Amino acid sequence: MTANTAERLLQHYVDNFRRLPWRSPPGLSAPDPYRVWLSEVMLQQTTVATVAPRFERFVARWPSVEALAAASDEAILAEWAGLGYYARARNLIACARDVAQRDGFPRTSAALRLLPGIGAYTSAAIAAIAFGERVAAVDTNVERVITRLHGLRRAERPLVADLALQITPAERPGDFVQAMMDLGATICRPRKPRCDACPLSQDCAAFASGEPESYPERRQRALRPHRYGTAYWIERGRSAWLVRRPAKGILGGMAALPGTDWTAQAPDGLNAIGTVRHVFTHFSLDLAVLPRAEPEGDGWWQPLDSLDGAGLPTLYRKVVEAALAAGIRIAA
């Protein structure tokens, strides 16, 4: 790398930075650590386009970590519904309450990493952006930038983090971290990278090779197993019976429809009114929708006209749509 690699990237960031609701413009005072933390948690495995409006709703309702810490689990989980990866929401609650008890976020990546739900990348991103620590924050986008710059066929995270830190400046590390994020997301893309617009192309080994898209080598994805289950539609007086899933496990603590466990064995002889398919990170699921007359499990009656406010995750919103589309009414 040349001596002015960081300078060129920072200038490109000043000229082209993405305007996001959690981000302070480059060169200005550091943003609120609460907003940085909340955005980084929301952005895990979720796109910027999906997160931006949901982030604004969150901070309008809970403008500080103390306000979030004081909210009920049910309210937070309901607001999170639809963002997916619900273990993040449970960690968000635990982390907010931990930070509120401390009277603020720790200021170093090492200390931040001890908080619930904060790993190596998130701790580094918060420390650099909110507190100005010179540390490498390596997510998938940054990993791709570094491997292409150095012509690495394999993206080995410790090496990538070391190489990223080597070009991270002592001044404005937070802007540099965000510049790397933006470069990976908008220019150094997995497919059809925009090398003509890249401020680092003159340094880039992958660009020099003539085949930048071939770096790094793509990992072969493991086959995703498939599971089956049943969800029960129980309706009475224009209300549906809802339950809350166990605190631990998939969709832990979320509102749901009652049903069976999810297993690898497909059920036989079901008179289902519909089947919903949903894909999780580690498996896919077919959920048969069956009408029932009597309530199943501990739960509550939710009026049909307020189901949108029940905090149902995407899977169970699909189940509701299938049941209502079938037009079957079971009155106990």
C-alpha atoms as a PDB file:
ATOM      1  CA  MET A   1       0.000   0.000   0.000  1.00  0.00           C
ATOM      2  CA  THR A   2       1.148   3.557  -0.652  1.00  0.00           C
ATOM      3  CA  ALA A   3       1.516   6.051   2.182  1.00  0.00           C
ATOM      4  CA  ASN A   4      -1.608   8.003   1.221  1.00  0.00           C
ATOM      5  CA  THR A   5      -4.009   5.048   0.935  1.00  0.00           C
ATOM      6  CA  ALA A   6      -5.935   6.129   4.035  1.00  0.00           C
ATOM      7  CA  GLU A   7      -5.968   9.770   2.928  1.00  0.00           C
ATOM      8  CA  ARG A   8      -7.483   8.900  -0.451  1.00  0.00           C
ATOM      9  CA  LEU A   9     -10.123   6.689   1.100  1.00  0.00           C
ATOM     10  CA  LEU A  10     -11.035   9.314   3.695  1.00  0.00           C
ATOM     11  CA  GLN A  11     -11.366  12.019   1.027  1.00  0.00           C
ATOM     12  CA  HIS A  12     -13.564   9.697  -1.016  1.00  0.00           C
ATOM     13  CA  TYR A  13     -15.697   9.161   2.079  1.00  0.00           C
ATOM     14  CA  VAL A  14     -16.046  12.911   2.669  1.00  0.00           C
ATOM     15  CA  ASP A  15     -17.205  13.344  -0.926  1.00  0.00           C
ATOM     16  CA  ASN A  16     -19.474  10.291  -1.122  1.00  0.00           C
ATOM     17  CA  PHE A  17     -20.514   9.109   2.363  1.00  0.00           C
ATOM     18  CA  ARG A  18     -23.917   7.506   2.776  1.00  0.00           C
ATOM     19  CA  ARG A  19     -26.301   9.642   4.802  1.00  0.00           C
ATOM     20  CA  LEU A  20     -27.738   7.259   7.385  1.00  0.00           C
ATOM     21  CA  PRO A  21     -29.887   8.089  10.437  1.00  0.00           C
ATOM     22  CA  TRP A  22     -27.298   6.777  12.915  1.00  0.00           C
ATOM     23  CA  ARG A  23     -24.276   8.395  11.291  1.00  0.00           C
ATOM     24  CA  SER A  24     -22.626  11.763  11.967  1.00  0.00           C
ATOM     25  CA  PRO A  25     -21.162  13.518   8.903  1.00  0.00           C
ATOM     26  CA  PRO A  26     -17.393  12.955   8.516  1.00  0.00           C
ATOM     27  CA  GLY A  27     -15.119  15.255  10.464  1.00  0.00           C
ATOM     28  CA  LEU A  28     -17.758  16.266  13.001  1.00  0.00           C
ATOM     29  CA  SER A  29     -18.058  15.223  16.637  1.00  0.00           C
ATOM     30  CA  ALA A  30     -18.441  11.538  17.418  1.00  0.00           C
ATOM     31  CA  PRO A  31     -22.021  10.233  17.322  1.00  0.00           C
ATOM     32  CA  ASP A  32     -24.032   9.036  20.298  1.00  0.00           C
ATOM     33  CA  PRO A  33     -22.669   5.581  21.337  1.00  0.00           C
ATOM     34  CA  TYR A  34     -26.247   4.405  21.881  1.00  0.00           C
ATOM     35  CA  ARG A  35     -27.159   5.093  18.263  1.00  0.00           C
ATOM     36  CA  VAL A  36     -23.947   3.485  16.998  1.00  0.00           C
ATOM     37  CA  TRP A  37     -24.512   0.360  19.112  1.00  0.00           C
ATOM     38  CA  LEU A  38     -28.200   0.073  18.198  1.00  0.00           C
ATOM     39  CA  SER A  39     -27.502   0.431  14.473  1.00  0.00           C
ATOM     40  CA  GLU A  40     -24.684  -2.116  14.524  1.00  0.00           C
ATOM     41  CA  VAL A  41     -26.853  -4.685  16.297  1.00  0.00           C
ATOM     42  CA  MET A  42     -29.729  -4.085  13.883  1.00  0.00           C
ATOM     43  CA  LEU A  43     -27.459  -4.310  10.838  1.00  0.00           C
ATOM     44  CA  GLN A  44     -26.176  -7.782  11.698  1.00  0.00           C
ATOM     45  CA  GLN A  45     -27.458 -10.026   8.876  1.00  0.00           C
ATOM     46  CA  THR A  46     -29.937  -7.298   7.808  1.00  0.00           C
ATOM     47  CA  THR A  47     -29.767  -4.704   5.021  1.00  0.00           C
ATOM     48  CA  VAL A  48     -29.404  -0.951   5.475  1.00  0.00           C
ATOM     49  CA  ALA A  49     -32.661  -0.396   3.558  1.00  0.00           C
ATOM     50  CA  THR A  50     -34.571  -2.589   6.023  1.00  0.00           C
ATOM     51  CA  VAL A  51     -32.892  -1.194   9.131  1.00  0.00           C
ATOM     52  CA  ALA A  52     -33.103   2.569   8.461  1.00  0.00           C
ATOM     53  CA  PRO A  53     -36.866   3.071   9.070  1.00  0.00           C
ATOM     54  CA  ARG A  54     -36.918   0.579  11.941  1.00  0.00           C
ATOM     55  CA  PHE A  55     -33.970   2.324  13.592  1.00  0.00           C
ATOM     56  CA  GLU A  56     -35.792   5.648  13.472  1.00  0.00           C
ATOM     57  CA  ARG A  57     -38.871   4.066  15.055  1.00  0.00           C
ATOM     58  CA  PHE A  58     -36.741   2.592  17.835  1.00  0.00           C
ATOM     59  CA  VAL A  59     -34.974   5.831  18.738  1.00  0.00           C
ATOM     60  CA  ALA A  60     -38.221   7.792  18.555  1.00  0.00           C
ATOM     61  CA  ARG A  61     -39.754   5.395  21.077  1.00  0.00           C
ATOM     62  CA  TRP A  62     -36.602   4.857  23.194  1.00  0.00           C
ATOM     63  CA  PRO A  63     -34.223   7.795  22.626  1.00  0.00           C
ATOM     64  CA  SER A  64     -31.556   6.608  25.064  1.00  0.00           C
ATOM     65  CA  VAL A  65     -30.090   3.380  26.351  1.00  0.00           C
ATOM     66  CA  GLU A  66     -31.683   4.133  29.729  1.00  0.00           C
ATOM     67  CA  ALA A  67     -35.122   4.409  28.122  1.00  0.00           C
ATOM     68  CA  LEU A  68     -34.600   1.134  26.295  1.00  0.00           C
ATOM     69  CA  ALA A  69     -33.385  -0.568  29.462  1.00  0.00           C
ATOM     70  CA  ALA A  70     -36.548   0.485  31.285  1.00  0.00           C
ATOM     71  CA  ALA A  71     -38.884  -0.924  28.612  1.00  0.00           C
ATOM     72  CA  SER A  72     -40.549  -4.311  28.975  1.00  0.00           C
ATOM     73  CA  ASP A  73     -39.215  -7.351  27.138  1.00  0.00           C
ATOM     74  CA  GLU A  74     -42.580  -7.736  25.391  1.00  0.00           C
ATOM     75  CA  ALA A  75     -42.565  -4.163  24.067  1.00  0.00           C
ATOM     76  CA  ILE A  76     -39.036  -4.451  22.689  1.00  0.00           C
ATOM     77  CA  LEU A  77     -39.632  -7.863  21.132  1.00  0.00           C
ATOM     78  CA  ALA A  78     -42.836  -6.600  19.521  1.00  0.00           C
ATOM     79  CA  GLU A  79     -41.011  -3.595  18.062  1.00  0.00           C
ATOM     80  CA  TRP A  80     -38.250  -5.896  16.796  1.00  0.00           C
ATOM     81  CA  ALA A  81     -40.733  -8.196  15.000  1.00  0.00           C
ATOM     82  CA  GLY A  82     -39.892  -8.537  11.329  1.00  0.00           C
ATOM     83  CA  LEU A  83     -36.174  -7.774  11.698  1.00  0.00           C
ATOM     84  CA  GLY A  84     -35.317 -11.467  12.144  1.00  0.00           C
ATOM     85  CA  TYR A  85     -32.455 -13.132  14.040  1.00  0.00           C
ATOM     86  CA  TYR A  86     -34.342 -12.724  17.287  1.00  0.00           C
ATOM     87  CA  ALA A  87     -31.445 -13.711  19.541  1.00  0.00           C
ATOM     88  CA  ARG A  88     -30.183 -10.200  18.741  1.00  0.00           C
ATOM     89  CA  ALA A  89     -33.277  -8.712  20.359  1.00  0.00           C
ATOM     90  CA  ARG A  90     -32.777 -10.712  23.549  1.00  0.00           C
ATOM     91  CA  ASN A  91     -29.121  -9.674  23.670  1.00  0.00           C
ATOM     92  CA  LEU A  92     -30.155  -6.081  22.958  1.00  0.00           C
ATOM     93  CA  ILE A  93     -32.354  -6.097  26.065  1.00  0.00           C
ATOM     94  CA  ALA A  94     -29.645  -7.635  28.259  1.00  0.00           C
ATOM     95  CA  CYS A  95     -26.985  -5.261  26.948  1.00  0.00           C
ATOM     96  CA  ALA A  96     -29.128  -2.136  27.419  1.00  0.00           C
ATOM     97  CA  ARG A  97     -29.779  -3.039  31.039  1.00  0.00           C
ATOM     98  CA  ASP A  98     -26.111  -3.793  31.655  1.00  0.00           C
ATOM     99  CA  VAL A  99     -25.032  -0.448  30.156  1.00  0.00           C
ATOM    100  CA  ALA A 100     -27.716   1.472  32.074  1.00  0.00           C
ATOM    101  CA  GLN A 101     -26.399   0.034  35.329  1.00  0.00           C
ATOM    102  CA  ARG A 102     -22.862   1.092  34.375  1.00  0.00           C
ATOM    103  CA  ASP A 103     -23.977   4.662  33.570  1.00  0.00           C
ATOM    104  CA  GLY A 104     -22.719   4.402  30.009  1.00  0.00           C
ATOM    105  CA  PHE A 105     -20.954   2.312  27.410  1.00  0.00           C
ATOM    106  CA  PRO A 106     -17.356   1.203  27.945  1.00  0.00           C
ATOM    107  CA  ARG A 107     -14.978   3.160  25.728  1.00  0.00           C
ATOM    108  CA  THR A 108     -12.656   0.421  24.443  1.00  0.00           C
ATOM    109  CA  SER A 109     -13.250  -2.488  22.100  1.00  0.00           C
ATOM    110  CA  ALA A 110     -11.915  -4.945  24.696  1.00  0.00           C
ATOM    111  CA  ALA A 111     -14.381  -3.766  27.349  1.00  0.00           C
ATOM    112  CA  LEU A 112     -17.284  -3.494  24.899  1.00  0.00           C
ATOM    113  CA  ARG A 113     -16.784  -7.090  23.863  1.00  0.00           C
ATOM    114  CA  LEU A 114     -17.714  -8.242  27.368  1.00  0.00           C
ATOM    115  CA  LEU A 115     -21.274  -6.936  26.912  1.00  0.00           C
ATOM    116  CA  PRO A 116     -24.106  -9.294  25.842  1.00  0.00           C
ATOM    117  CA  GLY A 117     -24.361  -9.813  22.097  1.00  0.00           C
ATOM    118  CA  ILE A 118     -21.257  -7.798  21.190  1.00  0.00           C
ATOM    119  CA  GLY A 119     -18.591  -9.675  19.254  1.00  0.00           C
ATOM    120  CA  ALA A 120     -15.261  -8.743  17.714  1.00  0.00           C
ATOM    121  CA  TYR A 121     -16.608  -6.702  14.799  1.00  0.00           C
ATOM    122  CA  THR A 122     -19.346  -4.862  16.710  1.00  0.00           C
ATOM    123  CA  SER A 123     -17.062  -3.947  19.610  1.00  0.00           C
ATOM    124  CA  ALA A 124     -14.434  -2.585  17.209  1.00  0.00           C
ATOM    125  CA  ALA A 125     -16.993  -0.622  15.185  1.00  0.00           C
ATOM    126  CA  ILE A 126     -18.466   1.041  18.286  1.00  0.00           C
ATOM    127  CA  ALA A 127     -15.031   1.785  19.774  1.00  0.00           C
ATOM    128  CA  ALA A 128     -13.741   3.346  16.558  1.00  0.00           C
ATOM    129  CA  ILE A 129     -16.858   5.299  15.543  1.00  0.00           C
ATOM    130  CA  ALA A 130     -18.101   6.455  18.956  1.00  0.00           C
ATOM    131  CA  PHE A 131     -14.836   6.710  20.924  1.00  0.00           C
ATOM    132  CA  GLY A 132     -12.060   7.159  18.350  1.00  0.00           C
ATOM    133  CA  GLU A 133     -10.095   4.018  19.154  1.00  0.00           C
ATOM    134  CA  ARG A 134      -7.669   2.978  16.420  1.00  0.00           C
ATOM    135  CA  VAL A 135      -8.940  -0.532  15.831  1.00  0.00           C
ATOM    136  CA  ALA A 136      -9.848  -2.601  12.765  1.00  0.00           C
ATOM    137  CA  ALA A 137     -13.557  -3.388  12.412  1.00  0.00           C
ATOM    138  CA  VAL A 138     -13.780  -6.276   9.946  1.00  0.00           C
ATOM    139  CA  ASP A 139     -17.165  -7.382   8.646  1.00  0.00           C
ATOM    140  CA  THR A 140     -17.844  -9.225   5.369  1.00  0.00           C
ATOM    141  CA  ASN A 141     -17.596  -6.046   3.299  1.00  0.00           C
ATOM    142  CA  VAL A 142     -14.303  -4.937   4.832  1.00  0.00           C
ATOM    143  CA  GLU A 143     -12.942  -8.474   4.542  1.00  0.00           C
ATOM    144  CA  ARG A 144     -13.636  -8.395   0.806  1.00  0.00           C
ATOM    145  CA  VAL A 145     -11.902  -5.013   0.376  1.00  0.00           C
ATOM    146  CA  ILE A 146      -8.763  -6.167   2.188  1.00  0.00           C
ATOM    147  CA  THR A 147      -8.519  -9.530   0.420  1.00  0.00           C
ATOM    148  CA  ARG A 148      -8.811  -7.822  -2.966  1.00  0.00           C
ATOM    149  CA  LEU A 149      -6.309  -5.117  -2.090  1.00  0.00           C
ATOM    150  CA  HIS A 150      -3.735  -7.773  -1.188  1.00  0.00           C
ATOM    151  CA  GLY A 151      -4.763 -10.386  -3.749  1.00  0.00           C
ATOM    152  CA  LEU A 152      -5.634 -12.982  -1.115  1.00  0.00           C
ATOM    153  CA  ARG A 153      -7.510 -16.031  -2.359  1.00  0.00           C
ATOM    154  CA  ARG A 154      -8.698 -16.983   1.113  1.00  0.00           C
ATOM    155  CA  ALA A 155     -10.153 -14.560   3.638  1.00  0.00           C
ATOM    156  CA  GLU A 156      -8.532 -15.555   6.927  1.00  0.00           C
ATOM    157  CA  ARG A 157      -9.981 -13.171   9.501  1.00  0.00           C
ATOM    158  CA  PRO A 158      -6.913 -12.705  11.802  1.00  0.00           C
ATOM    159  CA  LEU A 159      -4.680 -11.831   8.827  1.00  0.00           C
ATOM    160  CA  VAL A 160      -7.344  -9.587   7.320  1.00  0.00           C
ATOM    161  CA  ALA A 161      -7.785  -7.740  10.627  1.00  0.00           C
ATOM    162  CA  ASP A 162      -4.010  -7.192  10.894  1.00  0.00           C
ATOM    163  CA  LEU A 163      -3.793  -5.857   7.343  1.00  0.00           C
ATOM    164  CA  ALA A 164      -6.785  -3.582   7.917  1.00  0.00           C
ATOM    165  CA  LEU A 165      -5.223  -2.177  11.080  1.00  0.00           C
ATOM    166  CA  GLN A 166      -1.999  -1.420   9.210  1.00  0.00           C
ATOM    167  CA  ILE A 167      -3.773   1.152   7.038  1.00  0.00           C
ATOM    168  CA  THR A 168      -6.091   2.501   9.770  1.00  0.00           C
ATOM    169  CA  PRO A 169      -4.935   6.024  10.695  1.00  0.00           C
ATOM    170  CA  ALA A 170      -4.511   7.258  14.249  1.00  0.00           C
ATOM    171  CA  GLU A 171      -6.541  10.341  13.336  1.00  0.00           C
ATOM    172  CA  ARG A 172     -10.242   9.874  12.476  1.00  0.00           C
ATOM    173  CA  PRO A 173     -10.334   6.072  12.832  1.00  0.00           C
ATOM    174  CA  GLY A 174     -14.121   6.195  13.089  1.00  0.00           C
ATOM    175  CA  ASP A 175     -14.453   7.906   9.710  1.00  0.00           C
ATOM    176  CA  PHE A 176     -11.971   5.429   8.249  1.00  0.00           C
ATOM    177  CA  VAL A 177     -13.938   2.429   9.543  1.00  0.00           C
ATOM    178  CA  GLN A 178     -17.142   3.819   8.019  1.00  0.00           C
ATOM    179  CA  ALA A 179     -15.298   4.634   4.787  1.00  0.00           C
ATOM    180  CA  MET A 180     -14.229   0.989   4.537  1.00  0.00           C
ATOM    181  CA  MET A 181     -17.806  -0.148   5.202  1.00  0.00           C
ATOM    182  CA  ASP A 182     -19.151   2.128   2.462  1.00  0.00           C
ATOM    183  CA  LEU A 183     -16.436   1.089   0.005  1.00  0.00           C
ATOM    184  CA  GLY A 184     -17.310  -2.584   0.456  1.00  0.00           C
ATOM    185  CA  ALA A 185     -21.058  -2.013   0.314  1.00  0.00           C
ATOM    186  CA  THR A 186     -21.255   0.315  -2.692  1.00  0.00           C
ATOM    187  CA  ILE A 187     -18.085  -0.114  -4.801  1.00  0.00           C
ATOM    188  CA  CYS A 188     -16.092  -3.234  -3.900  1.00  0.00           C
ATOM    189  CA  ARG A 189     -19.199  -5.386  -4.280  1.00  0.00           C
ATOM    190  CA  PRO A 190     -19.176  -9.202  -4.424  1.00  0.00           C
ATOM    191  CA  ARG A 191     -20.327  -9.113  -8.049  1.00  0.00           C
ATOM    192  CA  LYS A 192     -19.626  -6.443 -10.648  1.00  0.00           C
ATOM    193  CA  PRO A 193     -17.314  -4.317  -8.479  1.00  0.00           C
ATOM    194  CA  ARG A 194     -17.148  -0.696  -9.596  1.00  0.00           C
ATOM    195  CA  CYS A 195     -13.366  -0.528  -9.861  1.00  0.00           C
ATOM    196  CA  ASP A 196     -13.557   2.601 -12.052  1.00  0.00           C
ATOM    197  CA  ALA A 197     -15.012   4.493  -9.058  1.00  0.00           C
ATOM    198  CA  CYS A 198     -12.677   3.030  -6.417  1.00  0.00           C
ATOM    199  CA  PRO A 199     -10.167   5.401  -4.780  1.00  0.00           C
ATOM    200  CA  LEU A 200      -7.892   2.428  -4.004  1.00  0.00           C
ATOM    201  CA  SER A 201      -7.794   0.738  -7.416  1.00  0.00           C
ATOM    202  CA  GLN A 202      -4.188   1.803  -8.030  1.00  0.00           C
ATOM    203  CA  ASP A 203      -3.183  -0.179  -4.926  1.00  0.00           C
ATOM    204  CA  CYS A 204      -5.400  -3.193  -5.596  1.00  0.00           C
ATOM    205  CA  ALA A 205      -3.853  -6.547  -6.539  1.00  0.00           C
ATOM    206  CA  ALA A 206      -7.223  -7.990  -7.538  1.00  0.00           C
ATOM    207  CA  PHE A 207      -7.852  -5.064  -9.910  1.00  0.00           C
ATOM    208  CA  ALA A 208      -4.379  -5.485 -11.396  1.00  0.00           C
ATOM    209  CA  SER A 209      -5.133  -9.161 -12.055  1.00  0.00           C
ATOM    210  CA  GLY A 210      -7.981  -8.216 -14.375  1.00  0.00           C
ATOM    211  CA  GLU A 211     -10.380 -10.494 -12.475  1.00  0.00           C
ATOM    212  CA  PRO A 212     -11.237  -8.643  -9.244  1.00  0.00           C
ATOM    213  CA  GLU A 213     -14.504 -10.531  -8.836  1.00  0.00           C
ATOM    214  CA  SER A 214     -12.604 -13.806  -8.373  1.00  0.00           C
ATOM    215  CA  TYR A 215     -11.128 -12.565  -5.071  1.00  0.00           C
ATOM    216  CA  PRO A 216     -11.578 -14.023  -2.522  1.00  0.00           C
ATOM    217  CA  GLU A 217     -12.537 -17.550  -3.550  1.00  0.00           C
ATOM    218  CA  ARG A 218     -16.171 -18.253  -2.749  1.00  0.00           C
ATOM    219  CA  ARG A 219     -16.776 -20.745   0.026  1.00  0.00           C
ATOM    220  CA  GLN A 220     -19.041 -23.670  -0.771  1.00  0.00           C
ATOM    221  CA  ARG A 221     -22.247 -23.410   1.234  1.00  0.00           C
ATOM    222  CA  ALA A 222     -23.337 -26.362   3.315  1.00  0.00           C
ATOM    223  CA  LEU A 223     -26.711 -27.898   2.535  1.00  0.00           C
ATOM    224  CA  ARG A 224     -29.484 -26.413   4.669  1.00  0.00           C
ATOM    225  CA  PRO A 225     -31.592 -29.089   6.453  1.00  0.00           C
ATOM    226  CA  HIS A 226     -35.379 -28.983   6.252  1.00  0.00           C
ATOM    227  CA  ARG A 227     -37.888 -29.284   9.109  1.00  0.00           C
ATOM    228  CA  TYR A 228     -41.640 -29.647   9.480  1.00  0.00           C
ATOM    229  CA  GLY A 229     -44.182 -28.493  12.022  1.00  0.00           C
ATOM    230  CA  THR A 230     -47.778 -27.471  12.596  1.00  0.00           C
ATOM    231  CA  ALA A 231     -49.336 -24.170  13.645  1.00  0.00           C
ATOM    232  CA  TYR A 232     -52.895 -24.071  15.013  1.00  0.00           C
ATOM    233  CA  TRP A 233     -55.356 -21.363  14.004  1.00  0.00           C
ATOM    234  CA  ILE A 234     -57.824 -20.885  16.863  1.00  0.00           C
ATOM    235  CA  GLU A 235     -60.395 -18.138  16.420  1.00  0.00           C
ATOM    236  CA  ARG A 236     -63.223 -16.953  18.660  1.00  0.00           C
ATOM    237  CA  GLY A 237     -65.301 -13.807  18.478  1.00  0.00           C
ATOM    238  CA  ARG A 238     -63.044 -12.139  15.886  1.00  0.00           C
ATOM    239  CA  SER A 239     -59.946 -12.855  18.002  1.00  0.00           C
ATOM    240  CA  ALA A 240     -57.096 -15.330  17.482  1.00  0.00           C
ATOM    241  CA  TRP A 241     -55.355 -17.315  20.225  1.00  0.00           C
ATOM    242  CA  LEU A 242     -51.674 -16.392  20.550  1.00  0.00           C
ATOM    243  CA  VAL A 243     -48.939 -17.777  22.779  1.00  0.00           C
ATOM    244  CA  ARG A 244     -45.401 -16.753  23.619  1.00  0.00           C
ATOM    245  CA  ARG A 245     -42.523 -18.949  22.540  1.00  0.00           C
ATOM    246  CA  PRO A 246     -40.000 -20.169  25.145  1.00  0.00           C
ATOM    247  CA  ALA A 247     -37.395 -17.570  26.075  1.00  0.00           C
ATOM    248  CA  LYS A 248     -34.529 -19.621  24.622  1.00  0.00           C
ATOM    249  CA  GLY A 249     -34.240 -21.036  21.123  1.00  0.00           C
ATOM    250  CA  ILE A 250     -35.528 -19.960  17.704  1.00  0.00           C
ATOM    251  CA  LEU A 251     -37.865 -16.928  17.959  1.00  0.00           C
ATOM    252  CA  GLY A 252     -37.344 -17.003  21.730  1.00  0.00           C
ATOM    253  CA  GLY A 253     -39.811 -14.861  23.663  1.00  0.00           C
ATOM    254  CA  MET A 254     -41.747 -13.828  20.555  1.00  0.00           C
ATOM    255  CA  ALA A 255     -45.519 -13.880  20.104  1.00  0.00           C
ATOM    256  CA  ALA A 256     -46.619 -16.898  18.055  1.00  0.00           C
ATOM    257  CA  LEU A 257     -49.451 -19.238  17.187  1.00  0.00           C
ATOM    258  CA  PRO A 258     -49.536 -22.483  19.163  1.00  0.00           C
ATOM    259  CA  GLY A 259     -48.270 -25.600  17.447  1.00  0.00           C
ATOM    260  CA  THR A 260     -46.039 -28.635  17.459  1.00  0.00           C
ATOM    261  CA  ASP A 261     -42.268 -28.937  17.703  1.00  0.00           C
ATOM    262  CA  TRP A 262     -40.313 -28.654  14.458  1.00  0.00           C
ATOM    263  CA  THR A 263     -38.775 -31.964  13.404  1.00  0.00           C
ATOM    264  CA  ALA A 264     -37.071 -33.584  10.411  1.00  0.00           C
ATOM    265  CA  GLN A 265     -40.037 -35.928   9.956  1.00  0.00           C
ATOM    266  CA  ALA A 266     -42.893 -34.749   7.741  1.00  0.00           C
ATOM    267  CA  PRO A 267     -46.310 -35.240   9.427  1.00  0.00           C
ATOM    268  CA  ASP A 268     -48.776 -37.669   7.866  1.00  0.00           C
ATOM    269  CA  GLY A 269     -52.489 -37.265   7.211  1.00  0.00           C
ATOM    270  CA  LEU A 270     -52.901 -33.590   8.063  1.00  0.00           C
ATOM    271  CA  ASN A 271     -55.988 -31.783   6.828  1.00  0.00           C
ATOM    272  CA  ALA A 272     -54.135 -28.488   6.592  1.00  0.00           C
ATOM    273  CA  ILE A 273     -55.763 -25.306   5.311  1.00  0.00           C
ATOM    274  CA  GLY A 274     -52.381 -24.140   4.053  1.00  0.00           C
ATOM    275  CA  THR A 275     -48.636 -24.585   4.361  1.00  0.00           C
ATOM    276  CA  VAL A 276     -46.118 -21.821   5.022  1.00  0.00           C
ATOM    277  CA  ARG A 277     -42.472 -22.138   4.018  1.00  0.00           C
ATOM    278  CA  HIS A 278     -39.866 -20.073   5.856  1.00  0.00           C
ATOM    279  CA  VAL A 279     -36.068 -20.049   5.674  1.00  0.00           C
ATOM    280  CA  PHE A 280     -33.964 -19.498   8.789  1.00  0.00           C
ATOM    281  CA  THR A 281     -30.184 -19.158   8.843  1.00  0.00           C
ATOM    282  CA  HIS A 282     -29.505 -22.834   9.537  1.00  0.00           C
ATOM    283  CA  PHE A 283     -32.620 -24.622   8.265  1.00  0.00           C
ATOM    284  CA  SER A 284     -35.797 -24.230   6.235  1.00  0.00           C
ATOM    285  CA  LEU A 285     -39.256 -24.988   7.580  1.00  0.00           C
ATOM    286  CA  ASP A 286     -42.647 -26.081   6.283  1.00  0.00           C
ATOM    287  CA  LEU A 287     -45.366 -25.169   8.767  1.00  0.00           C
ATOM    288  CA  ALA A 288     -48.786 -26.727   8.142  1.00  0.00           C
ATOM    289  CA  VAL A 289     -51.709 -24.532   9.266  1.00  0.00           C
ATOM    290  CA  LEU A 290     -54.538 -26.405  10.996  1.00  0.00           C
ATOM    291  CA  PRO A 291     -57.809 -25.017  12.417  1.00  0.00           C
ATOM    292  CA  ARG A 292     -58.673 -25.909  16.017  1.00  0.00           C
ATOM    293  CA  ALA A 293     -61.595 -25.135  18.285  1.00  0.00           C
ATOM    294  CA  GLU A 294     -59.982 -24.986  21.733  1.00  0.00           C
ATOM    295  CA  PRO A 295     -57.113 -22.791  22.988  1.00  0.00           C
ATOM    296  CA  GLU A 296     -53.716 -24.492  23.037  1.00  0.00           C
ATOM    297  CA  GLY A 297     -51.183 -23.585  25.754  1.00  0.00           C
ATOM    298  CA  ASP A 298     -50.959 -20.465  27.919  1.00  0.00           C
ATOM    299  CA  GLY A 299     -51.746 -17.406  25.877  1.00  0.00           C
ATOM    300  CA  TRP A 300     -54.207 -14.651  25.107  1.00  0.00           C
ATOM    301  CA  TRP A 301     -56.941 -13.651  22.687  1.00  0.00           C
ATOM    302  CA  GLN A 302     -55.692 -11.081  20.192  1.00  0.00           C
ATOM    303  CA  PRO A 303     -58.364  -9.178  18.193  1.00  0.00           C
ATOM    304  CA  LEU A 304     -57.990  -9.836  14.484  1.00  0.00           C
ATOM    305  CA  ASP A 305     -58.013  -6.143  13.700  1.00  0.00           C
ATOM    306  CA  SER A 306     -54.971  -5.585  15.941  1.00  0.00           C
ATOM    307  CA  LEU A 307     -52.851  -8.578  14.892  1.00  0.00           C
ATOM    308  CA  ASP A 308     -50.381  -6.172  13.277  1.00  0.00           C
ATOM    309  CA  GLY A 309     -49.596  -4.815  16.732  1.00  0.00           C
ATOM    310  CA  ALA A 310     -49.078  -8.197  18.385  1.00  0.00           C
ATOM    311  CA  GLY A 311     -45.369  -8.363  17.536  1.00  0.00           C
ATOM    312  CA  LEU A 312     -45.633 -11.517  15.453  1.00  0.00           C
ATOM    313  CA  PRO A 313     -42.395 -12.415  13.640  1.00  0.00           C
ATOM    314  CA  THR A 314     -42.448 -12.899   9.887  1.00  0.00           C
ATOM    315  CA  LEU A 315     -43.050 -16.673  10.086  1.00  0.00           C
ATOM    316  CA  TYR A 316     -46.268 -16.284  12.053  1.00  0.00           C
ATOM    317  CA  ARG A 317     -47.451 -13.308  10.034  1.00  0.00           C
ATOM    318  CA  LYS A 318     -47.301 -15.684   7.057  1.00  0.00           C
ATOM    319  CA  VAL A 319     -49.361 -18.219   9.027  1.00  0.00           C
ATOM    320  CA  VAL A 320     -51.990 -15.580   9.833  1.00  0.00           C
ATOM    321  CA  GLU A 321     -52.185 -14.570   6.167  1.00  0.00           C
ATOM    322  CA  ALA A 322     -52.617 -18.224   5.125  1.00  0.00           C
ATOM    323  CA  ALA A 323     -55.360 -18.807   7.699  1.00  0.00           C
ATOM    324  CA  LEU A 324     -57.285 -15.666   6.825  1.00  0.00           C
ATOM    325  CA  ALA A 325     -56.931 -16.344   3.106  1.00  0.00           C
ATOM    326  CA  ALA A 326     -58.430 -19.814   3.616  1.00  0.00           C
ATOM    327  CA  GLY A 327     -61.569 -18.159   4.980  1.00  0.00           C
ATOM    328  CA  ILE A 328     -62.159 -20.858   7.625  1.00  0.00           C
ATOM    329  CA  ARG A 329     -63.641 -19.796  10.934  1.00  0.00           C
ATOM    330  CA  ILE A 330     -63.624 -22.065  13.958  1.00  0.00           C
ATOM    331  CA  ALA A 331     -65.880 -20.891  16.766  1.00  0.00           C
ATOM    332  CA  ALA A 332     -65.538 -22.709  20.094  1.00  0.00           C
END
